[in-house]
Amino acid sequence: MLTFTVRSNSTDGHGLGLRAIVSKDNGRSWEFDRDRIVISDVNRGSSGGGFGNTIQLPDQSLVSIYSYRGAEQKTHVESVRWRLPESATKE
């Protein structure tokens, strides 16, 4: 799994923000156009935001830390606890 930030020119129909994709072949290939998971799309403006690491907790949930620009043009830092969709883990 890879988490990344769409910082400008979003092409997935969502605002800028944090995304994830899962490789089904141990990282040899990635389907950026098709297998994208939108974790957050709250960034406002034409650029901005960023991400830190994603860690997996003992209960298999994931925690990602990221930043985004709010409507008031201030930077916010948040954490989100989430799980991969079941469809993302199947072959």
Foldseek 3Di string as FASTA:
>chain_A
DDKWWQFADDDQPAATGIKDFADPPVPPDTDVNPRIGDPDRQADDGGDKTWDDWDADPVRKIKTWMWHQHPVRDIDIDIDIGHDDPVRHDD
